[in-house]
């Protein structure tokens, strides 16, 4: 069987809740890791089940740039009505 190597450009939007933007920015890369062998095996099983005779052997993700902030929402405390 032949082996092929593909580069795929991805865009990920990661939503993070944190008290400060700096802390939120630092955790983004922790969820962008490559899938493990279990996830790859599941993908291979699913592909085989639908008649795609190919096997993924490895996946690597690389973060090329720092995360870019798209939206910043400040959580406001709920106002409660006083009990009478």
PDB file of N, CA and C in Angstrom:
ATOM      1  N   UNK A   1       0.829  -1.169   0.000  1.00  0.00           N
ATOM      2  CA  UNK A   1       0.000   0.000   0.000  1.00  0.00           C
ATOM      3  C   UNK A   1       0.887   1.251   0.000  1.00  0.00           C
ATOM      4  N   UNK A   2       0.472   2.297  -0.682  1.00  0.00           N
ATOM      5  CA  UNK A   2       1.213   3.551  -0.737  1.00  0.00           C
ATOM      6  C   UNK A   2       0.934   4.396   0.505  1.00  0.00           C
ATOM      7  N   UNK A   3       1.856   5.298   0.806  1.00  0.00           N
ATOM      8  CA  UNK A   3       1.637   6.226   1.909  1.00  0.00           C
ATOM      9  C   UNK A   3       1.643   7.639   1.359  1.00  0.00           C
ATOM     10  N   UNK A   4       0.656   8.423   1.763  1.00  0.00           N
ATOM     11  CA  UNK A   4       0.501   9.796   1.316  1.00  0.00           C
ATOM     12  C   UNK A   4       0.570  10.725   2.519  1.00  0.00           C
ATOM     13  N   UNK A   5       1.133  11.902   2.330  1.00  0.00           N
ATOM     14  CA  UNK A   5       1.258  12.891   3.397  1.00  0.00           C
ATOM     15  C   UNK A   5       0.559  14.165   2.941  1.00  0.00           C
ATOM     16  N   UNK A   6      -0.414  14.652   3.729  1.00  0.00           N
ATOM     17  CA  UNK A   6      -1.182  15.834   3.387  1.00  0.00           C
ATOM     18  C   UNK A   6      -0.995  16.914   4.439  1.00  0.00           C
ATOM     19  N   UNK A   7      -0.956  18.170   3.984  1.00  0.00           N
ATOM     20  CA  UNK A   7      -1.008  19.303   4.899  1.00  0.00           C
ATOM     21  C   UNK A   7      -2.370  19.947   4.722  1.00  0.00           C
ATOM     22  N   UNK A   8      -3.067  20.151   5.836  1.00  0.00           N
ATOM     23  CA  UNK A   8      -4.401  20.729   5.804  1.00  0.00           C
ATOM     24  C   UNK A   8      -4.406  21.984   6.662  1.00  0.00           C
ATOM     25  N   UNK A   9      -4.833  23.093   6.090  1.00  0.00           N
ATOM     26  CA  UNK A   9      -4.938  24.338   6.855  1.00  0.00           C
ATOM     27  C   UNK A   9      -6.248  24.286   7.649  1.00  0.00           C
ATOM     28  N   UNK A  10      -6.149  24.501   8.950  1.00  0.00           N
ATOM     29  CA  UNK A  10      -7.315  24.476   9.821  1.00  0.00           C
ATOM     30  C   UNK A  10      -7.485  25.817  10.513  1.00  0.00           C
ATOM     31  N   UNK A  11      -8.711  26.116  10.841  1.00  0.00           N
ATOM     32  CA  UNK A  11      -9.007  27.287  11.670  1.00  0.00           C
ATOM     33  C   UNK A  11      -9.826  26.786  12.837  1.00  0.00           C
ATOM     34  N   UNK A  12      -9.354  27.027  14.022  1.00  0.00           N
ATOM     35  CA  UNK A  12     -10.069  26.593  15.220  1.00  0.00           C
ATOM     36  C   UNK A  12     -10.525  27.818  15.996  1.00  0.00           C
ATOM     37  N   UNK A  13     -11.741  27.754  16.495  1.00  0.00           N
ATOM     38  CA  UNK A  13     -12.245  28.788  17.384  1.00  0.00           C
ATOM     39  C   UNK A  13     -12.420  28.129  18.744  1.00  0.00           C
ATOM     40  N   UNK A  14     -11.672  28.587  19.718  1.00  0.00           N
ATOM     41  CA  UNK A  14     -11.669  27.981  21.046  1.00  0.00           C
ATOM     42  C   UNK A  14     -12.302  28.963  22.024  1.00  0.00           C
ATOM     43  N   UNK A  15     -13.367  28.538  22.674  1.00  0.00           N
ATOM     44  CA  UNK A  15     -14.052  29.387  23.653  1.00  0.00           C
ATOM     45  C   UNK A  15     -13.522  29.048  25.040  1.00  0.00           C
ATOM     46  N   UNK A  16     -13.069  30.066  25.766  1.00  0.00           N
ATOM     47  CA  UNK A  16     -12.465  29.875  27.084  1.00  0.00           C
ATOM     48  C   UNK A  16     -13.133  30.815  28.079  1.00  0.00           C
ATOM     49  N   UNK A  17     -13.454  30.312  29.253  1.00  0.00           N
ATOM     50  CA  UNK A  17     -13.934  31.154  30.343  1.00  0.00           C
ATOM     51  C   UNK A  17     -12.811  31.298  31.360  1.00  0.00           C
ATOM     52  N   UNK A  18     -12.444  32.547  31.648  1.00  0.00           N
ATOM     53  CA  UNK A  18     -11.376  32.825  32.610  1.00  0.00           C
ATOM     54  C   UNK A  18     -11.566  34.234  33.147  1.00  0.00           C
ATOM     55  N   UNK A  19     -10.949  34.510  34.264  1.00  0.00           N
ATOM     56  CA  UNK A  19     -11.048  35.843  34.857  1.00  0.00           C
ATOM     57  C   UNK A  19     -10.259  36.873  34.051  1.00  0.00           C
ATOM     58  N   UNK A  20      -9.187  36.437  33.393  1.00  0.00           N
ATOM     59  CA  UNK A  20      -8.321  37.361  32.661  1.00  0.00           C
ATOM     60  C   UNK A  20      -7.987  36.803  31.284  1.00  0.00           C
ATOM     61  N   UNK A  21      -7.861  37.691  30.304  1.00  0.00           N
ATOM     62  CA  UNK A  21      -7.563  37.285  28.937  1.00  0.00           C
ATOM     63  C   UNK A  21      -6.216  36.570  28.838  1.00  0.00           C
ATOM     64  N   UNK A  22      -5.222  37.040  29.561  1.00  0.00           N
ATOM     65  CA  UNK A  22      -3.888  36.438  29.501  1.00  0.00           C
ATOM     66  C   UNK A  22      -3.922  34.962  29.894  1.00  0.00           C
ATOM     67  N   UNK A  23      -4.665  34.654  30.940  1.00  0.00           N
ATOM     68  CA  UNK A  23      -4.785  33.256  31.386  1.00  0.00           C
ATOM     69  C   UNK A  23      -5.537  32.442  30.338  1.00  0.00           C
ATOM     70  N   UNK A  24      -6.618  33.006  29.803  1.00  0.00           N
ATOM     71  CA  UNK A  24      -7.393  32.310  28.775  1.00  0.00           C
ATOM     72  C   UNK A  24      -6.541  32.009  27.546  1.00  0.00           C
ATOM     73  N   UNK A  25      -5.748  32.977  27.138  1.00  0.00           N
ATOM     74  CA  UNK A  25      -4.892  32.808  25.956  1.00  0.00           C
ATOM     75  C   UNK A  25      -3.882  31.669  26.150  1.00  0.00           C
ATOM     76  N   UNK A  26      -3.365  31.524  27.368  1.00  0.00           N
ATOM     77  CA  UNK A  26      -2.343  30.512  27.634  1.00  0.00           C
ATOM     78  C   UNK A  26      -2.870  29.084  27.579  1.00  0.00           C
ATOM     79  N   UNK A  27      -4.168  28.874  27.809  1.00  0.00           N
ATOM     80  CA  UNK A  27      -4.694  27.508  27.804  1.00  0.00           C
ATOM     81  C   UNK A  27      -5.165  27.044  26.429  1.00  0.00           C
ATOM     82  N   UNK A  28      -5.236  27.944  25.464  1.00  0.00           N
ATOM     83  CA  UNK A  28      -5.731  27.583  24.132  1.00  0.00           C
ATOM     84  C   UNK A  28      -4.940  26.434  23.519  1.00  0.00           C
ATOM     85  N   UNK A  29      -3.628  26.505  23.563  1.00  0.00           N
ATOM     86  CA  UNK A  29      -2.813  25.465  22.922  1.00  0.00           C
ATOM     87  C   UNK A  29      -2.997  24.091  23.555  1.00  0.00           C
ATOM     88  N   UNK A  30      -3.486  24.037  24.804  1.00  0.00           N
ATOM     89  CA  UNK A  30      -3.655  22.741  25.462  1.00  0.00           C
ATOM     90  C   UNK A  30      -4.748  21.886  24.815  1.00  0.00           C
ATOM     91  N   UNK A  31      -5.677  22.502  24.091  1.00  0.00           N
ATOM     92  CA  UNK A  31      -6.733  21.727  23.429  1.00  0.00           C
ATOM     93  C   UNK A  31      -6.459  21.500  21.953  1.00  0.00           C
ATOM     94  N   UNK A  32      -5.350  21.998  21.478  1.00  0.00           N
ATOM     95  CA  UNK A  32      -5.022  21.845  20.062  1.00  0.00           C
ATOM     96  C   UNK A  32      -4.036  20.715  19.807  1.00  0.00           C
ATOM     97  N   UNK A  33      -3.908  19.815  20.740  1.00  0.00           N
ATOM     98  CA  UNK A  33      -2.982  18.697  20.588  1.00  0.00           C
ATOM     99  C   UNK A  33      -3.454  17.688  19.558  1.00  0.00           C
ATOM    100  N   UNK A  34      -2.542  16.926  19.076  1.00  0.00           N
ATOM    101  CA  UNK A  34      -2.846  15.880  18.100  1.00  0.00           C
ATOM    102  C   UNK A  34      -3.678  14.771  18.733  1.00  0.00           C
ATOM    103  N   UNK A  35      -4.504  14.108  17.938  1.00  0.00           N
ATOM    104  CA  UNK A  35      -5.278  12.997  18.478  1.00  0.00           C
ATOM    105  C   UNK A  35      -4.357  11.838  18.858  1.00  0.00           C
ATOM    106  N   UNK A  36      -4.765  11.097  19.852  1.00  0.00           N
ATOM    107  CA  UNK A  36      -3.998   9.933  20.279  1.00  0.00           C
ATOM    108  C   UNK A  36      -4.319   8.712  19.441  1.00  0.00           C
ATOM    109  N   UNK A  37      -3.671   7.612  19.763  1.00  0.00           N
ATOM    110  CA  UNK A  37      -3.850   6.376  18.990  1.00  0.00           C
ATOM    111  C   UNK A  37      -5.281   5.852  19.062  1.00  0.00           C
ATOM    112  N   UNK A  38      -5.955   6.073  20.180  1.00  0.00           N
ATOM    113  CA  UNK A  38      -7.345   5.604  20.312  1.00  0.00           C
ATOM    114  C   UNK A  38      -8.255   6.353  19.341  1.00  0.00           C
ATOM    115  N   UNK A  39      -8.106   7.692  19.281  1.00  0.00           N
ATOM    116  CA  UNK A  39      -8.931   8.486  18.368  1.00  0.00           C
ATOM    117  C   UNK A  39      -8.644   8.144  16.906  1.00  0.00           C
ATOM    118  N   UNK A  40      -7.369   7.926  16.580  1.00  0.00           N
ATOM    119  CA  UNK A  40      -7.016   7.558  15.208  1.00  0.00           C
ATOM    120  C   UNK A  40      -7.599   6.200  14.856  1.00  0.00           C
ATOM    121  N   UNK A  41      -7.532   5.259  15.775  1.00  0.00           N
ATOM    122  CA  UNK A  41      -8.085   3.919  15.524  1.00  0.00           C
ATOM    123  C   UNK A  41      -9.598   3.987  15.310  1.00  0.00           C
ATOM    124  N   UNK A  42     -10.294   4.813  16.099  1.00  0.00           N
ATOM    125  CA  UNK A  42     -11.747   4.977  15.907  1.00  0.00           C
ATOM    126  C   UNK A  42     -12.061   5.550  14.528  1.00  0.00           C
ATOM    127  N   UNK A  43     -11.284   6.529  14.102  1.00  0.00           N
ATOM    128  CA  UNK A  43     -11.477   7.107  12.769  1.00  0.00           C
ATOM    129  C   UNK A  43     -11.239   6.058  11.689  1.00  0.00           C
ATOM    130  N   UNK A  44     -10.211   5.238  11.856  1.00  0.00           N
ATOM    131  CA  UNK A  44      -9.927   4.175  10.889  1.00  0.00           C
ATOM    132  C   UNK A  44     -11.059   3.155  10.840  1.00  0.00           C
ATOM    133  N   UNK A  45     -11.596   2.785  11.997  1.00  0.00           N
ATOM    134  CA  UNK A  45     -12.723   1.839  12.040  1.00  0.00           C
ATOM    135  C   UNK A  45     -13.943   2.422  11.336  1.00  0.00           C
ATOM    136  N   UNK A  46     -14.211   3.718  11.590  1.00  0.00           N
ATOM    137  CA  UNK A  46     -15.361   4.359  10.935  1.00  0.00           C
ATOM    138  C   UNK A  46     -15.172   4.433   9.423  1.00  0.00           C
ATOM    139  N   UNK A  47     -13.964   4.743   8.977  1.00  0.00           N
ATOM    140  CA  UNK A  47     -13.696   4.784   7.543  1.00  0.00           C
ATOM    141  C   UNK A  47     -13.861   3.407   6.906  1.00  0.00           C
ATOM    142  N   UNK A  48     -13.368   2.376   7.567  1.00  0.00           N
ATOM    143  CA  UNK A  48     -13.501   1.015   7.040  1.00  0.00           C
ATOM    144  C   UNK A  48     -14.975   0.604   6.973  1.00  0.00           C
ATOM    145  N   UNK A  49     -15.757   1.024   7.965  1.00  0.00           N
ATOM    146  CA  UNK A  49     -17.179   0.653   8.018  1.00  0.00           C
ATOM    147  C   UNK A  49     -17.974   1.249   6.854  1.00  0.00           C
ATOM    148  N   UNK A  50     -17.524   2.381   6.336  1.00  0.00           N
ATOM    149  CA  UNK A  50     -18.238   2.998   5.211  1.00  0.00           C
ATOM    150  C   UNK A  50     -17.531   2.738   3.876  1.00  0.00           C
ATOM    151  N   UNK A  51     -16.632   1.762   3.862  1.00  0.00           N
ATOM    152  CA  UNK A  51     -16.018   1.325   2.616  1.00  0.00           C
ATOM    153  C   UNK A  51     -14.856   2.166   2.126  1.00  0.00           C
ATOM    154  N   UNK A  52     -14.150   2.807   3.025  1.00  0.00           N
ATOM    155  CA  UNK A  52     -12.958   3.574   2.639  1.00  0.00           C
ATOM    156  C   UNK A  52     -11.716   2.807   3.072  1.00  0.00           C
ATOM    157  N   UNK A  53     -11.090   2.068   2.163  1.00  0.00           N
ATOM    158  CA  UNK A  53      -9.937   1.235   2.517  1.00  0.00           C
ATOM    159  C   UNK A  53      -8.639   2.037   2.621  1.00  0.00           C
ATOM    160  N   UNK A  54      -8.552   2.849   3.670  1.00  0.00           N
ATOM    161  CA  UNK A  54      -7.347   3.635   3.924  1.00  0.00           C
ATOM    162  C   UNK A  54      -7.155   3.709   5.431  1.00  0.00           C
ATOM    163  N   UNK A  55      -5.911   3.822   5.849  1.00  0.00           N
ATOM    164  CA  UNK A  55      -5.597   3.851   7.273  1.00  0.00           C
ATOM    165  C   UNK A  55      -4.797   5.106   7.604  1.00  0.00           C
ATOM    166  N   UNK A  56      -5.318   5.912   8.524  1.00  0.00           N
ATOM    167  CA  UNK A  56      -4.565   7.063   9.016  1.00  0.00           C
ATOM    168  C   UNK A  56      -3.537   6.528  10.004  1.00  0.00           C
ATOM    169  N   UNK A  57      -2.274   6.907   9.829  1.00  0.00           N
ATOM    170  CA  UNK A  57      -1.226   6.384  10.709  1.00  0.00           C
ATOM    171  C   UNK A  57      -0.747   7.400  11.742  1.00  0.00           C
ATOM    172  N   UNK A  58      -0.898   8.719  11.446  1.00  0.00           N
ATOM    173  CA  UNK A  58      -0.407   9.729  12.372  1.00  0.00           C
ATOM    174  C   UNK A  58      -1.019  11.075  12.018  1.00  0.00           C
ATOM    175  N   UNK A  59      -1.216  11.916  13.031  1.00  0.00           N
ATOM    176  CA  UNK A  59      -1.716  13.283  12.834  1.00  0.00           C
ATOM    177  C   UNK A  59      -0.928  14.194  13.769  1.00  0.00           C
ATOM    178  N   UNK A  60      -0.427  15.293  13.242  1.00  0.00           N
ATOM    179  CA  UNK A  60       0.271  16.290  14.047  1.00  0.00           C
ATOM    180  C   UNK A  60      -0.352  17.648  13.783  1.00  0.00           C
ATOM    181  N   UNK A  61      -0.554  18.431  14.845  1.00  0.00           N
ATOM    182  CA  UNK A  61      -1.025  19.795  14.719  1.00  0.00           C
ATOM    183  C   UNK A  61       0.099  20.720  15.164  1.00  0.00           C
ATOM    184  N   UNK A  62       0.244  21.842  14.459  1.00  0.00           N
ATOM    185  CA  UNK A  62       1.247  22.828  14.813  1.00  0.00           C
ATOM    186  C   UNK A  62       0.566  24.182  14.918  1.00  0.00           C
ATOM    187  N   UNK A  63       0.806  24.871  16.008  1.00  0.00           N
ATOM    188  CA  UNK A  63       0.253  26.214  16.176  1.00  0.00           C
ATOM    189  C   UNK A  63       1.274  27.208  15.645  1.00  0.00           C
ATOM    190  N   UNK A  64       0.943  27.878  14.532  1.00  0.00           N
ATOM    191  CA  UNK A  64       1.893  28.772  13.885  1.00  0.00           C
ATOM    192  C   UNK A  64       1.902  30.174  14.468  1.00  0.00           C
ATOM    193  N   UNK A  65       0.763  30.644  14.959  1.00  0.00           N
ATOM    194  CA  UNK A  65       0.664  32.008  15.473  1.00  0.00           C
ATOM    195  C   UNK A  65       0.030  31.989  16.853  1.00  0.00           C
ATOM    196  N   UNK A  66       0.184  33.102  17.568  1.00  0.00           N
ATOM    197  CA  UNK A  66      -0.487  33.238  18.854  1.00  0.00           C
ATOM    198  C   UNK A  66      -1.993  33.345  18.628  1.00  0.00           C
ATOM    199  N   UNK A  67      -2.787  32.925  19.617  1.00  0.00           N
ATOM    200  CA  UNK A  67      -4.236  33.044  19.470  1.00  0.00           C
ATOM    201  C   UNK A  67      -4.650  34.506  19.280  1.00  0.00           C
ATOM    202  N   UNK A  68      -5.678  34.715  18.455  1.00  0.00           N
ATOM    203  CA  UNK A  68      -6.211  36.053  18.200  1.00  0.00           C
ATOM    204  C   UNK A  68      -7.579  36.154  18.854  1.00  0.00           C
ATOM    205  N   UNK A  69      -7.780  37.163  19.671  1.00  0.00           N
ATOM    206  CA  UNK A  69      -9.044  37.354  20.380  1.00  0.00           C
ATOM    207  C   UNK A  69     -10.122  37.796  19.401  1.00  0.00           C
ATOM    208  N   UNK A  70     -11.235  37.034  19.331  1.00  0.00           N
ATOM    209  CA  UNK A  70     -12.344  37.376  18.453  1.00  0.00           C
ATOM    210  C   UNK A  70     -13.448  38.122  19.177  1.00  0.00           C
ATOM    211  N   UNK A  71     -13.688  37.768  20.429  1.00  0.00           N
ATOM    212  CA  UNK A  71     -14.804  38.342  21.164  1.00  0.00           C
ATOM    213  C   UNK A  71     -14.491  38.318  22.646  1.00  0.00           C
ATOM    214  N   UNK A  72     -14.917  39.349  23.344  1.00  0.00           N
ATOM    215  CA  UNK A  72     -14.685  39.424  24.778  1.00  0.00           C
ATOM    216  C   UNK A  72     -15.999  39.816  25.433  1.00  0.00           C
ATOM    217  N   UNK A  73     -16.592  38.890  26.170  1.00  0.00           N
ATOM    218  CA  UNK A  73     -17.827  39.166  26.883  1.00  0.00           C
ATOM    219  C   UNK A  73     -17.540  39.187  28.371  1.00  0.00           C
ATOM    220  N   UNK A  74     -17.964  40.249  29.018  1.00  0.00           N
ATOM    221  CA  UNK A  74     -17.783  40.353  30.458  1.00  0.00           C
ATOM    222  C   UNK A  74     -19.052  39.860  31.127  1.00  0.00           C
ATOM    223  N   UNK A  75     -18.896  38.902  32.020  1.00  0.00           N
ATOM    224  CA  UNK A  75     -20.040  38.371  32.744  1.00  0.00           C
ATOM    225  C   UNK A  75     -20.423  39.357  33.840  1.00  0.00           C
ATOM    226  N   UNK A  76     -21.692  39.713  33.823  1.00  0.00           N
ATOM    227  CA  UNK A  76     -22.183  40.640  34.843  1.00  0.00           C
ATOM    228  C   UNK A  76     -22.956  39.845  35.886  1.00  0.00           C
ATOM    229  N   UNK A  77     -22.805  40.183  37.154  1.00  0.00           N
ATOM    230  CA  UNK A  77     -23.557  39.466  38.191  1.00  0.00           C
ATOM    231  C   UNK A  77     -25.050  39.719  38.023  1.00  0.00           C
ATOM    232  N   UNK A  78     -25.834  38.690  38.314  1.00  0.00           N
ATOM    233  CA  UNK A  78     -27.287  38.821  38.214  1.00  0.00           C
ATOM    234  C   UNK A  78     -27.796  39.731  39.323  1.00  0.00           C
ATOM    235  N   UNK A  79     -28.742  40.570  38.962  1.00  0.00           N
ATOM    236  CA  UNK A  79     -29.373  41.428  39.959  1.00  0.00           C
ATOM    237  C   UNK A  79     -30.565  40.681  40.540  1.00  0.00           C
ATOM    238  N   UNK A  80     -30.619  40.593  41.827  1.00  0.00           N
ATOM    239  CA  UNK A  80     -31.722  39.888  42.489  1.00  0.00           C
ATOM    240  C   UNK A  80     -32.656  40.908  43.116  1.00  0.00           C
ATOM    241  N   UNK A  81     -33.906  40.647  42.982  1.00  0.00           N
ATOM    242  CA  UNK A  81     -34.868  41.556  43.604  1.00  0.00           C
ATOM    243  C   UNK A  81     -34.931  41.279  45.094  1.00  0.00           C
ATOM    244  N   UNK A  82     -35.019  42.330  45.899  1.00  0.00           N
ATOM    245  CA  UNK A  82     -35.065  42.126  47.362  1.00  0.00           C
ATOM    246  C   UNK A  82     -36.376  41.469  47.755  1.00  0.00           C
ATOM    247  N   UNK A  83     -36.282  40.593  48.717  1.00  0.00           N
ATOM    248  CA  UNK A  83     -37.499  39.903  49.193  1.00  0.00           C
ATOM    249  C   UNK A  83     -38.255  40.817  50.126  1.00  0.00           C
ATOM    250  N   UNK A  84     -39.546  40.827  49.974  1.00  0.00           N
ATOM    251  CA  UNK A  84     -40.377  41.695  50.817  1.00  0.00           C
ATOM    252  C   UNK A  84     -40.815  40.977  52.057  1.00  0.00           C
TER     253      UNK A  84
END
